[in-house]
Amino acid sequence: MAEKPMNPLMTHCPMCQALYERESVKLIAERKPVRLYHSMCASCSHGLLAYVIDAPGGISSVGLITDISGEDALRQADLLTISAEECIASHRLILEQSQDICRQLLDISGKLA
């Protein structure tokens, strides 16, 4: 069986510009037309998550510099997607109740003026 070619969009670390080792670029998930790759730079230890989308006119990519490991990336890929409504509801909750949330997080309820 022929070896799968490395993702041509992930050849260099965006932080230190070092070349990625072939083994460090891993396909995490694939749901046509989208593929999720993870890589960890051997030089600076920064991680990269890259969504690669096959489109009729070519390939698009969105990258995110991260500190998560390949195992964490696999676990994250299996989580349910947050809907736009859930995101808006979370924003509203934080906006409306931020003082109470801060008190609970800091466990100093009643000590704030």
PDB file of N, CA and C in Angstrom:
ATOM      1  N   MET A   1       0.837  -1.171   0.000  1.00  0.00           N
ATOM      2  CA  MET A   1       0.000   0.000   0.000  1.00  0.00           C
ATOM      3  C   MET A   1       0.890   1.245   0.000  1.00  0.00           C
ATOM      4  N   ALA A   2       0.564   2.205  -0.861  1.00  0.00           N
ATOM      5  CA  ALA A   2       1.355   3.427  -0.961  1.00  0.00           C
ATOM      6  C   ALA A   2       1.114   4.309   0.259  1.00  0.00           C
ATOM      7  N   GLU A   3       2.168   4.991   0.693  1.00  0.00           N
ATOM      8  CA  GLU A   3       2.056   5.887   1.839  1.00  0.00           C
ATOM      9  C   GLU A   3       1.267   7.120   1.434  1.00  0.00           C
ATOM     10  N   LYS A   4       0.349   7.540   2.299  1.00  0.00           N
ATOM     11  CA  LYS A   4      -0.463   8.723   2.038  1.00  0.00           C
ATOM     12  C   LYS A   4       0.434   9.952   2.068  1.00  0.00           C
ATOM     13  N   PRO A   5       0.326  10.845   1.067  1.00  0.00           N
ATOM     14  CA  PRO A   5       1.188  12.032   1.069  1.00  0.00           C
ATOM     15  C   PRO A   5       0.852  12.969   2.223  1.00  0.00           C
ATOM     16  N   MET A   6       1.868  13.682   2.704  1.00  0.00           N
ATOM     17  CA  MET A   6       1.680  14.643   3.778  1.00  0.00           C
ATOM     18  C   MET A   6       0.834  15.800   3.256  1.00  0.00           C
ATOM     19  N   ASN A   7       0.049  16.395   4.129  1.00  0.00           N
ATOM     20  CA  ASN A   7      -0.766  17.543   3.759  1.00  0.00           C
ATOM     21  C   ASN A   7       0.161  18.650   3.235  1.00  0.00           C
ATOM     22  N   PRO A   8      -0.009  19.068   1.969  1.00  0.00           N
ATOM     23  CA  PRO A   8       0.906  20.068   1.399  1.00  0.00           C
ATOM     24  C   PRO A   8       0.789  21.444   2.043  1.00  0.00           C
ATOM     25  N   LEU A   9      -0.298  21.690   2.790  1.00  0.00           N
ATOM     26  CA  LEU A   9      -0.465  22.980   3.451  1.00  0.00           C
ATOM     27  C   LEU A   9       0.235  23.029   4.808  1.00  0.00           C
ATOM     28  N   MET A  10       0.692  21.886   5.299  1.00  0.00           N
ATOM     29  CA  MET A  10       1.320  21.828   6.621  1.00  0.00           C
ATOM     30  C   MET A  10       2.760  21.355   6.490  1.00  0.00           C
ATOM     31  N   THR A  11       3.611  22.206   5.999  1.00  0.00           N
ATOM     32  CA  THR A  11       5.011  21.838   5.825  1.00  0.00           C
ATOM     33  C   THR A  11       5.920  22.522   6.829  1.00  0.00           C
ATOM     34  N   HIS A  12       5.514  23.724   7.311  1.00  0.00           N
ATOM     35  CA  HIS A  12       6.338  24.513   8.227  1.00  0.00           C
ATOM     36  C   HIS A  12       5.526  24.917   9.452  1.00  0.00           C
ATOM     37  N   CYS A  13       6.184  24.993  10.586  1.00  0.00           N
ATOM     38  CA  CYS A  13       5.567  25.499  11.806  1.00  0.00           C
ATOM     39  C   CYS A  13       5.305  26.998  11.636  1.00  0.00           C
ATOM     40  N   PRO A  14       4.091  27.475  11.909  1.00  0.00           N
ATOM     41  CA  PRO A  14       3.809  28.898  11.765  1.00  0.00           C
ATOM     42  C   PRO A  14       4.502  29.765  12.819  1.00  0.00           C
ATOM     43  N   MET A  15       4.981  29.151  13.897  1.00  0.00           N
ATOM     44  CA  MET A  15       5.634  29.924  14.955  1.00  0.00           C
ATOM     45  C   MET A  15       7.131  30.094  14.716  1.00  0.00           C
ATOM     46  N   CYS A  16       7.825  28.992  14.406  1.00  0.00           N
ATOM     47  CA  CYS A  16       9.291  29.077  14.290  1.00  0.00           C
ATOM     48  C   CYS A  16       9.803  28.781  12.875  1.00  0.00           C
ATOM     49  N   GLN A  17       8.887  28.453  11.972  1.00  0.00           N
ATOM     50  CA  GLN A  17       9.207  28.161  10.565  1.00  0.00           C
ATOM     51  C   GLN A  17      10.012  26.888  10.341  1.00  0.00           C
ATOM     52  N   ALA A  18      10.177  26.061  11.377  1.00  0.00           N
ATOM     53  CA  ALA A  18      10.884  24.785  11.209  1.00  0.00           C
ATOM     54  C   ALA A  18      10.043  23.852  10.340  1.00  0.00           C
ATOM     55  N   LEU A  19      10.699  22.999   9.597  1.00  0.00           N
ATOM     56  CA  LEU A  19       9.995  22.007   8.796  1.00  0.00           C
ATOM     57  C   LEU A  19       9.370  20.966   9.708  1.00  0.00           C
ATOM     58  N   TYR A  20       8.116  20.601   9.446  1.00  0.00           N
ATOM     59  CA  TYR A  20       7.485  19.518  10.190  1.00  0.00           C
ATOM     60  C   TYR A  20       8.078  18.191   9.749  1.00  0.00           C
ATOM     61  N   GLU A  21       8.246  17.303  10.683  1.00  0.00           N
ATOM     62  CA  GLU A  21       8.619  15.933  10.353  1.00  0.00           C
ATOM     63  C   GLU A  21       7.367  15.241   9.827  1.00  0.00           C
ATOM     64  N   ARG A  22       7.514  14.389   8.828  1.00  0.00           N
ATOM     65  CA  ARG A  22       6.374  13.711   8.210  1.00  0.00           C
ATOM     66  C   ARG A  22       5.488  13.024   9.254  1.00  0.00           C
ATOM     67  N   GLU A  23       6.109  12.388  10.247  1.00  0.00           N
ATOM     68  CA  GLU A  23       5.360  11.650  11.258  1.00  0.00           C
ATOM     69  C   GLU A  23       4.564  12.560  12.185  1.00  0.00           C
ATOM     70  N   SER A  24       4.905  13.842  12.260  1.00  0.00           N
ATOM     71  CA  SER A  24       4.227  14.738  13.195  1.00  0.00           C
ATOM     72  C   SER A  24       2.893  15.249  12.665  1.00  0.00           C
ATOM     73  N   VAL A  25       2.636  15.130  11.368  1.00  0.00           N
ATOM     74  CA  VAL A  25       1.370  15.581  10.784  1.00  0.00           C
ATOM     75  C   VAL A  25       0.424  14.388  10.736  1.00  0.00           C
ATOM     76  N   LYS A  26      -0.654  14.477  11.526  1.00  0.00           N
ATOM     77  CA  LYS A  26      -1.574  13.354  11.634  1.00  0.00           C
ATOM     78  C   LYS A  26      -2.988  13.773  11.237  1.00  0.00           C
ATOM     79  N   LEU A  27      -3.641  12.919  10.459  1.00  0.00           N
ATOM     80  CA  LEU A  27      -5.040  13.118  10.112  1.00  0.00           C
ATOM     81  C   LEU A  27      -5.862  12.694  11.325  1.00  0.00           C
ATOM     82  N   ILE A  28      -6.615  13.629  11.907  1.00  0.00           N
ATOM     83  CA  ILE A  28      -7.378  13.382  13.124  1.00  0.00           C
ATOM     84  C   ILE A  28      -8.798  12.930  12.800  1.00  0.00           C
ATOM     85  N   ALA A  29      -9.437  13.602  11.852  1.00  0.00           N
ATOM     86  CA  ALA A  29     -10.819  13.277  11.494  1.00  0.00           C
ATOM     87  C   ALA A  29     -11.036  13.647  10.035  1.00  0.00           C
ATOM     88  N   GLU A  30     -11.965  12.925   9.427  1.00  0.00           N
ATOM     89  CA  GLU A  30     -12.300  13.218   8.036  1.00  0.00           C
ATOM     90  C   GLU A  30     -13.787  13.011   7.835  1.00  0.00           C
ATOM     91  N   ARG A  31     -14.448  14.076   7.450  1.00  0.00           N
ATOM     92  CA  ARG A  31     -15.861  14.051   7.087  1.00  0.00           C
ATOM     93  C   ARG A  31     -15.965  14.851   5.807  1.00  0.00           C
ATOM     94  N   LYS A  32     -16.007  14.150   4.695  1.00  0.00           N
ATOM     95  CA  LYS A  32     -15.958  14.794   3.376  1.00  0.00           C
ATOM     96  C   LYS A  32     -16.854  16.005   3.345  1.00  0.00           C
ATOM     97  N   PRO A  33     -16.407  17.111   2.872  1.00  0.00           N
ATOM     98  CA  PRO A  33     -15.130  17.420   2.237  1.00  0.00           C
ATOM     99  C   PRO A  33     -14.077  17.985   3.191  1.00  0.00           C
ATOM    100  N   VAL A  34     -14.259  17.810   4.507  1.00  0.00           N
ATOM    101  CA  VAL A  34     -13.375  18.431   5.502  1.00  0.00           C
ATOM    102  C   VAL A  34     -12.468  17.390   6.155  1.00  0.00           C
ATOM    103  N   ARG A  35     -11.198  17.759   6.315  1.00  0.00           N
ATOM    104  CA  ARG A  35     -10.237  16.928   7.045  1.00  0.00           C
ATOM    105  C   ARG A  35      -9.617  17.789   8.150  1.00  0.00           C
ATOM    106  N   LEU A  36      -9.415  17.169   9.306  1.00  0.00           N
ATOM    107  CA  LEU A  36      -8.779  17.850  10.433  1.00  0.00           C
ATOM    108  C   LEU A  36      -7.432  17.203  10.683  1.00  0.00           C
ATOM    109  N   TYR A  37      -6.383  18.024  10.644  1.00  0.00           N
ATOM    110  CA  TYR A  37      -5.017  17.558  10.892  1.00  0.00           C
ATOM    111  C   TYR A  37      -4.493  18.167  12.179  1.00  0.00           C
ATOM    112  N   HIS A  38      -3.571  17.453  12.814  1.00  0.00           N
ATOM    113  CA  HIS A  38      -2.871  17.973  13.982  1.00  0.00           C
ATOM    114  C   HIS A  38      -1.379  17.740  13.774  1.00  0.00           C
ATOM    115  N   SER A  39      -0.587  18.698  14.204  1.00  0.00           N
ATOM    116  CA  SER A  39       0.855  18.538  14.161  1.00  0.00           C
ATOM    117  C   SER A  39       1.474  19.198  15.379  1.00  0.00           C
ATOM    118  N   MET A  40       2.579  18.625  15.837  1.00  0.00           N
ATOM    119  CA  MET A  40       3.335  19.198  16.944  1.00  0.00           C
ATOM    120  C   MET A  40       4.746  19.458  16.437  1.00  0.00           C
ATOM    121  N   CYS A  41       5.210  20.679  16.588  1.00  0.00           N
ATOM    122  CA  CYS A  41       6.528  21.056  16.096  1.00  0.00           C
ATOM    123  C   CYS A  41       7.615  20.483  17.008  1.00  0.00           C
ATOM    124  N   ALA A  42       8.534  19.759  16.429  1.00  0.00           N
ATOM    125  CA  ALA A  42       9.638  19.175  17.204  1.00  0.00           C
ATOM    126  C   ALA A  42      10.607  20.248  17.682  1.00  0.00           C
ATOM    127  N   SER A  43      10.622  21.401  17.014  1.00  0.00           N
ATOM    128  CA  SER A  43      11.566  22.458  17.354  1.00  0.00           C
ATOM    129  C   SER A  43      11.078  23.340  18.506  1.00  0.00           C
ATOM    130  N   CYS A  44       9.817  23.813  18.427  1.00  0.00           N
ATOM    131  CA  CYS A  44       9.333  24.758  19.441  1.00  0.00           C
ATOM    132  C   CYS A  44       8.183  24.215  20.289  1.00  0.00           C
ATOM    133  N   SER A  45       7.707  23.020  19.975  1.00  0.00           N
ATOM    134  CA  SER A  45       6.639  22.336  20.724  1.00  0.00           C
ATOM    135  C   SER A  45       5.270  22.989  20.634  1.00  0.00           C
ATOM    136  N   HIS A  46       5.052  23.869  19.665  1.00  0.00           N
ATOM    137  CA  HIS A  46       3.716  24.401  19.438  1.00  0.00           C
ATOM    138  C   HIS A  46       2.930  23.416  18.588  1.00  0.00           C
ATOM    139  N   GLY A  47       1.635  23.327  18.883  1.00  0.00           N
ATOM    140  CA  GLY A  47       0.762  22.462  18.106  1.00  0.00           C
ATOM    141  C   GLY A  47       0.003  23.272  17.074  1.00  0.00           C
ATOM    142  N   LEU A  48      -0.495  22.586  16.073  1.00  0.00           N
ATOM    143  CA  LEU A  48      -1.311  23.226  15.043  1.00  0.00           C
ATOM    144  C   LEU A  48      -2.462  22.305  14.696  1.00  0.00           C
ATOM    145  N   LEU A  49      -3.678  22.845  14.755  1.00  0.00           N
ATOM    146  CA  LEU A  49      -4.852  22.165  14.236  1.00  0.00           C
ATOM    147  C   LEU A  49      -5.183  22.842  12.921  1.00  0.00           C
ATOM    148  N   ALA A  50      -5.405  22.063  11.886  1.00  0.00           N
ATOM    149  CA  ALA A  50      -5.720  22.634  10.579  1.00  0.00           C
ATOM    150  C   ALA A  50      -6.924  21.927   9.987  1.00  0.00           C
ATOM    151  N   TYR A  51      -7.938  22.717   9.653  1.00  0.00           N
ATOM    152  CA  TYR A  51      -9.080  22.218   8.909  1.00  0.00           C
ATOM    153  C   TYR A  51      -8.781  22.453   7.443  1.00  0.00           C
ATOM    154  N   VAL A  52      -8.843  21.401   6.662  1.00  0.00           N
ATOM    155  CA  VAL A  52      -8.596  21.486   5.227  1.00  0.00           C
ATOM    156  C   VAL A  52      -9.899  21.109   4.533  1.00  0.00           C
ATOM    157  N   ILE A  53     -10.374  21.989   3.663  1.00  0.00           N
ATOM    158  CA  ILE A  53     -11.656  21.802   2.999  1.00  0.00           C
ATOM    159  C   ILE A  53     -11.438  21.691   1.498  1.00  0.00           C
ATOM    160  N   ASP A  54     -11.882  20.583   0.933  1.00  0.00           N
ATOM    161  CA  ASP A  54     -11.823  20.405  -0.513  1.00  0.00           C
ATOM    162  C   ASP A  54     -13.029  21.111  -1.112  1.00  0.00           C
ATOM    163  N   ALA A  55     -12.777  22.081  -1.968  1.00  0.00           N
ATOM    164  CA  ALA A  55     -13.839  22.843  -2.613  1.00  0.00           C
ATOM    165  C   ALA A  55     -13.704  22.688  -4.120  1.00  0.00           C
ATOM    166  N   PRO A  56     -14.775  22.952  -4.856  1.00  0.00           N
ATOM    167  CA  PRO A  56     -14.704  22.804  -6.319  1.00  0.00           C
ATOM    168  C   PRO A  56     -13.584  23.622  -6.959  1.00  0.00           C
ATOM    169  N   GLY A  57     -13.264  24.780  -6.395  1.00  0.00           N
ATOM    170  CA  GLY A  57     -12.240  25.641  -6.965  1.00  0.00           C
ATOM    171  C   GLY A  57     -10.847  25.405  -6.418  1.00  0.00           C
ATOM    172  N   GLY A  58     -10.682  24.456  -5.490  1.00  0.00           N
ATOM    173  CA  GLY A  58      -9.372  24.210  -4.899  1.00  0.00           C
ATOM    174  C   GLY A  58      -9.501  23.770  -3.459  1.00  0.00           C
ATOM    175  N   ILE A  59      -8.480  24.075  -2.685  1.00  0.00           N
ATOM    176  CA  ILE A  59      -8.427  23.674  -1.279  1.00  0.00           C
ATOM    177  C   ILE A  59      -8.374  24.934  -0.417  1.00  0.00           C
ATOM    178  N   SER A  60      -9.163  24.936   0.662  1.00  0.00           N
ATOM    179  CA  SER A  60      -9.106  26.011   1.653  1.00  0.00           C
ATOM    180  C   SER A  60      -8.614  25.421   2.958  1.00  0.00           C
ATOM    181  N   SER A  61      -7.994  26.261   3.777  1.00  0.00           N
ATOM    182  CA  SER A  61      -7.468  25.786   5.048  1.00  0.00           C
ATOM    183  C   SER A  61      -7.604  26.865   6.106  1.00  0.00           C
ATOM    184  N   VAL A  62      -7.907  26.421   7.328  1.00  0.00           N
ATOM    185  CA  VAL A  62      -7.945  27.308   8.483  1.00  0.00           C
ATOM    186  C   VAL A  62      -7.099  26.640   9.558  1.00  0.00           C
ATOM    187  N   GLY A  63      -6.122  27.354  10.077  1.00  0.00           N
ATOM    188  CA  GLY A  63      -5.241  26.796  11.085  1.00  0.00           C
ATOM    189  C   GLY A  63      -5.404  27.486  12.420  1.00  0.00           C
ATOM    190  N   LEU A  64      -5.123  26.738  13.483  1.00  0.00           N
ATOM    191  CA  LEU A  64      -5.212  27.256  14.832  1.00  0.00           C
ATOM    192  C   LEU A  64      -4.004  26.769  15.619  1.00  0.00           C
ATOM    193  N   ILE A  65      -3.198  27.704  16.098  1.00  0.00           N
ATOM    194  CA  ILE A  65      -2.051  27.343  16.931  1.00  0.00           C
ATOM    195  C   ILE A  65      -2.592  26.967  18.303  1.00  0.00           C
ATOM    196  N   THR A  66      -2.096  25.859  18.849  1.00  0.00           N
ATOM    197  CA  THR A  66      -2.651  25.325  20.083  1.00  0.00           C
ATOM    198  C   THR A  66      -1.569  24.632  20.902  1.00  0.00           C
ATOM    199  N   ASP A  67      -1.921  24.297  22.133  1.00  0.00           N
ATOM    200  CA  ASP A  67      -0.998  23.530  22.961  1.00  0.00           C
ATOM    201  C   ASP A  67      -1.524  22.120  23.208  1.00  0.00           C
ATOM    202  N   ILE A  68      -2.634  21.740  22.557  1.00  0.00           N
ATOM    203  CA  ILE A  68      -3.173  20.404  22.801  1.00  0.00           C
ATOM    204  C   ILE A  68      -2.380  19.340  22.049  1.00  0.00           C
ATOM    205  N   SER A  69      -2.370  18.164  22.628  1.00  0.00           N
ATOM    206  CA  SER A  69      -1.655  17.039  22.035  1.00  0.00           C
ATOM    207  C   SER A  69      -2.519  16.377  20.962  1.00  0.00           C
ATOM    208  N   GLY A  70      -1.940  15.455  20.247  1.00  0.00           N
ATOM    209  CA  GLY A  70      -2.690  14.699  19.252  1.00  0.00           C
ATOM    210  C   GLY A  70      -3.835  13.913  19.878  1.00  0.00           C
ATOM    211  N   GLU A  71      -3.604  13.355  21.076  1.00  0.00           N
ATOM    212  CA  GLU A  71      -4.653  12.606  21.774  1.00  0.00           C
ATOM    213  C   GLU A  71      -5.813  13.527  22.148  1.00  0.00           C
ATOM    214  N   ASP A  72      -5.489  14.728  22.637  1.00  0.00           N
ATOM    215  CA  ASP A  72      -6.544  15.701  22.964  1.00  0.00           C
ATOM    216  C   ASP A  72      -7.312  16.099  21.717  1.00  0.00           C
ATOM    217  N   ALA A  73      -6.610  16.267  20.613  1.00  0.00           N
ATOM    218  CA  ALA A  73      -7.261  16.637  19.355  1.00  0.00           C
ATOM    219  C   ALA A  73      -8.238  15.548  18.915  1.00  0.00           C
ATOM    220  N   LEU A  74      -7.836  14.277  19.071  1.00  0.00           N
ATOM    221  CA  LEU A  74      -8.744  13.170  18.735  1.00  0.00           C
ATOM    222  C   LEU A  74      -9.999  13.218  19.600  1.00  0.00           C
ATOM    223  N   ARG A  75      -9.815  13.453  20.894  1.00  0.00           N
ATOM    224  CA  ARG A  75     -10.949  13.516  21.816  1.00  0.00           C
ATOM    225  C   ARG A  75     -11.862  14.693  21.458  1.00  0.00           C
ATOM    226  N   GLN A  76     -11.280  15.835  21.141  1.00  0.00           N
ATOM    227  CA  GLN A  76     -12.064  17.014  20.787  1.00  0.00           C
ATOM    228  C   GLN A  76     -12.840  16.805  19.492  1.00  0.00           C
ATOM    229  N   ALA A  77     -12.259  16.074  18.554  1.00  0.00           N
ATOM    230  CA  ALA A  77     -12.912  15.848  17.263  1.00  0.00           C
ATOM    231  C   ALA A  77     -14.199  15.053  17.428  1.00  0.00           C
ATOM    232  N   ASP A  78     -14.296  14.248  18.491  1.00  0.00           N
ATOM    233  CA  ASP A  78     -15.486  13.424  18.711  1.00  0.00           C
ATOM    234  C   ASP A  78     -16.578  14.129  19.511  1.00  0.00           C
ATOM    235  N   LEU A  79     -16.310  15.338  20.020  1.00  0.00           N
ATOM    236  CA  LEU A  79     -17.312  16.062  20.803  1.00  0.00           C
ATOM    237  C   LEU A  79     -18.389  16.642  19.901  1.00  0.00           C
ATOM    238  N   LEU A  80     -19.548  16.856  20.479  1.00  0.00           N
ATOM    239  CA  LEU A  80     -20.643  17.457  19.732  1.00  0.00           C
ATOM    240  C   LEU A  80     -20.334  18.920  19.439  1.00  0.00           C
ATOM    241  N   THR A  81     -20.828  19.385  18.328  1.00  0.00           N
ATOM    242  CA  THR A  81     -20.646  20.778  17.921  1.00  0.00           C
ATOM    243  C   THR A  81     -21.586  21.672  18.722  1.00  0.00           C
ATOM    244  N   ILE A  82     -21.102  22.831  19.117  1.00  0.00           N
ATOM    245  CA  ILE A  82     -21.927  23.822  19.802  1.00  0.00           C
ATOM    246  C   ILE A  82     -22.690  24.605  18.742  1.00  0.00           C
ATOM    247  N   SER A  83     -23.984  24.717  18.922  1.00  0.00           N
ATOM    248  CA  SER A  83     -24.802  25.440  17.944  1.00  0.00           C
ATOM    249  C   SER A  83     -24.649  26.946  18.142  1.00  0.00           C
ATOM    250  N   ALA A  84     -25.052  27.703  17.136  1.00  0.00           N
ATOM    251  CA  ALA A  84     -25.011  29.163  17.225  1.00  0.00           C
ATOM    252  C   ALA A  84     -25.914  29.649  18.356  1.00  0.00           C
ATOM    253  N   GLU A  85     -27.059  28.997  18.519  1.00  0.00           N
ATOM    254  CA  GLU A  85     -27.999  29.380  19.577  1.00  0.00           C
ATOM    255  C   GLU A  85     -27.391  29.167  20.963  1.00  0.00           C
ATOM    256  N   GLU A  86     -26.681  28.054  21.143  1.00  0.00           N
ATOM    257  CA  GLU A  86     -26.023  27.779  22.424  1.00  0.00           C
ATOM    258  C   GLU A  86     -24.928  28.800  22.706  1.00  0.00           C
ATOM    259  N   CYS A  87     -24.209  29.189  21.681  1.00  0.00           N
ATOM    260  CA  CYS A  87     -23.153  30.186  21.831  1.00  0.00           C
ATOM    261  C   CYS A  87     -23.742  31.543  22.238  1.00  0.00           C
ATOM    262  N   ILE A  88     -24.830  31.941  21.583  1.00  0.00           N
ATOM    263  CA  ILE A  88     -25.495  33.214  21.901  1.00  0.00           C
ATOM    264  C   ILE A  88     -26.065  33.168  23.316  1.00  0.00           C
ATOM    265  N   ALA A  89     -26.680  32.049  23.692  1.00  0.00           N
ATOM    266  CA  ALA A  89     -27.241  31.908  25.039  1.00  0.00           C
ATOM    267  C   ALA A  89     -26.145  32.005  26.097  1.00  0.00           C
ATOM    268  N   SER A  90     -24.989  31.401  25.835  1.00  0.00           N
ATOM    269  CA  SER A  90     -23.859  31.487  26.772  1.00  0.00           C
ATOM    270  C   SER A  90     -23.377  32.922  26.904  1.00  0.00           C
ATOM    271  N   HIS A  91     -23.278  33.618  25.782  1.00  0.00           N
ATOM    272  CA  HIS A  91     -22.858  35.024  25.804  1.00  0.00           C
ATOM    273  C   HIS A  91     -23.825  35.857  26.642  1.00  0.00           C
ATOM    274  N   ARG A  92     -25.121  35.664  26.420  1.00  0.00           N
ATOM    275  CA  ARG A  92     -26.131  36.433  27.172  1.00  0.00           C
ATOM    276  C   ARG A  92     -26.047  36.131  28.667  1.00  0.00           C
ATOM    277  N   LEU A  93     -25.871  34.859  29.007  1.00  0.00           N
ATOM    278  CA  LEU A  93     -25.764  34.471  30.413  1.00  0.00           C
ATOM    279  C   LEU A  93     -24.570  35.152  31.070  1.00  0.00           C
ATOM    280  N   ILE A  94     -23.443  35.126  30.406  1.00  0.00           N
ATOM    281  CA  ILE A  94     -22.244  35.766  30.961  1.00  0.00           C
ATOM    282  C   ILE A  94     -22.449  37.270  31.061  1.00  0.00           C
ATOM    283  N   LEU A  95     -23.034  37.860  30.033  1.00  0.00           N
ATOM    284  CA  LEU A  95     -23.265  39.301  30.025  1.00  0.00           C
ATOM    285  C   LEU A  95     -24.207  39.719  31.157  1.00  0.00           C
ATOM    286  N   GLU A  96     -25.287  38.969  31.344  1.00  0.00           N
ATOM    287  CA  GLU A  96     -26.305  39.325  32.330  1.00  0.00           C
ATOM    288  C   GLU A  96     -25.918  38.958  33.761  1.00  0.00           C
ATOM    289  N   GLN A  97     -25.103  37.927  33.918  1.00  0.00           N
ATOM    290  CA  GLN A  97     -24.816  37.435  35.257  1.00  0.00           C
ATOM    291  C   GLN A  97     -23.323  37.389  35.560  1.00  0.00           C
ATOM    292  N   SER A  98     -22.552  38.245  34.915  1.00  0.00           N
ATOM    293  CA  SER A  98     -21.100  38.173  35.067  1.00  0.00           C
ATOM    294  C   SER A  98     -20.640  38.403  36.509  1.00  0.00           C
ATOM    295  N   GLN A  99     -21.291  39.307  37.225  1.00  0.00           N
ATOM    296  CA  GLN A  99     -20.868  39.564  38.609  1.00  0.00           C
ATOM    297  C   GLN A  99     -21.094  38.330  39.472  1.00  0.00           C
ATOM    298  N   ASP A 100     -22.259  37.686  39.325  1.00  0.00           N
ATOM    299  CA  ASP A 100     -22.533  36.466  40.095  1.00  0.00           C
ATOM    300  C   ASP A 100     -21.578  35.346  39.702  1.00  0.00           C
ATOM    301  N   ILE A 101     -21.306  35.235  38.419  1.00  0.00           N
ATOM    302  CA  ILE A 101     -20.393  34.195  37.951  1.00  0.00           C
ATOM    303  C   ILE A 101     -19.004  34.413  38.534  1.00  0.00           C
ATOM    304  N   CYS A 102     -18.538  35.661  38.520  1.00  0.00           N
ATOM    305  CA  CYS A 102     -17.211  35.968  39.080  1.00  0.00           C
ATOM    306  C   CYS A 102     -17.163  35.643  40.574  1.00  0.00           C
ATOM    307  N   ARG A 103     -18.211  35.988  41.298  1.00  0.00           N
ATOM    308  CA  ARG A 103     -18.250  35.673  42.729  1.00  0.00           C
ATOM    309  C   ARG A 103     -18.148  34.168  42.960  1.00  0.00           C
ATOM    310  N   GLN A 104     -18.884  33.404  42.167  1.00  0.00           N
ATOM    311  CA  GLN A 104     -18.857  31.950  42.340  1.00  0.00           C
ATOM    312  C   GLN A 104     -17.499  31.384  41.962  1.00  0.00           C
ATOM    313  N   LEU A 105     -16.922  31.889  40.889  1.00  0.00           N
ATOM    314  CA  LEU A 105     -15.621  31.393  40.463  1.00  0.00           C
ATOM    315  C   LEU A 105     -14.531  31.728  41.468  1.00  0.00           C
ATOM    316  N   LEU A 106     -14.605  32.906  42.030  1.00  0.00           N
ATOM    317  CA  LEU A 106     -13.585  33.338  42.979  1.00  0.00           C
ATOM    318  C   LEU A 106     -13.905  32.903  44.413  1.00  0.00           C
ATOM    319  N   ASP A 107     -15.128  32.406  44.615  1.00  0.00           N
ATOM    320  CA  ASP A 107     -15.568  31.925  45.910  1.00  0.00           C
ATOM    321  C   ASP A 107     -15.403  32.991  46.991  1.00  0.00           C
ATOM    322  N   ILE A 108     -15.750  34.223  46.625  1.00  0.00           N
ATOM    323  CA  ILE A 108     -15.680  35.316  47.615  1.00  0.00           C
ATOM    324  C   ILE A 108     -17.011  36.049  47.690  1.00  0.00           C
ATOM    325  N   SER A 109     -18.088  35.314  47.494  1.00  0.00           N
ATOM    326  CA  SER A 109     -19.422  35.897  47.509  1.00  0.00           C
ATOM    327  C   SER A 109     -19.618  36.725  48.778  1.00  0.00           C
ATOM    328  N   GLY A 110     -20.118  37.930  48.592  1.00  0.00           N
ATOM    329  CA  GLY A 110     -20.362  38.819  49.727  1.00  0.00           C
ATOM    330  C   GLY A 110     -19.182  39.711  50.051  1.00  0.00           C
ATOM    331  N   LYS A 111     -18.013  39.468  49.508  1.00  0.00           N
ATOM    332  CA  LYS A 111     -16.835  40.283  49.792  1.00  0.00           C
ATOM    333  C   LYS A 111     -16.634  41.390  48.768  1.00  0.00           C
ATOM    334  N   LEU A 112     -17.377  41.296  47.645  1.00  0.00           N
ATOM    335  CA  LEU A 112     -17.265  42.344  46.630  1.00  0.00           C
ATOM    336  C   LEU A 112     -18.224  43.472  46.951  1.00  0.00           C
ATOM    337  N   ALA A 113     -17.827  44.682  46.662  1.00  0.00           N
ATOM    338  CA  ALA A 113     -18.673  45.844  46.931  1.00  0.00           C
ATOM    339  C   ALA A 113     -19.789  45.925  45.925  1.00  0.00           C
TER     340      ALA A 113
END
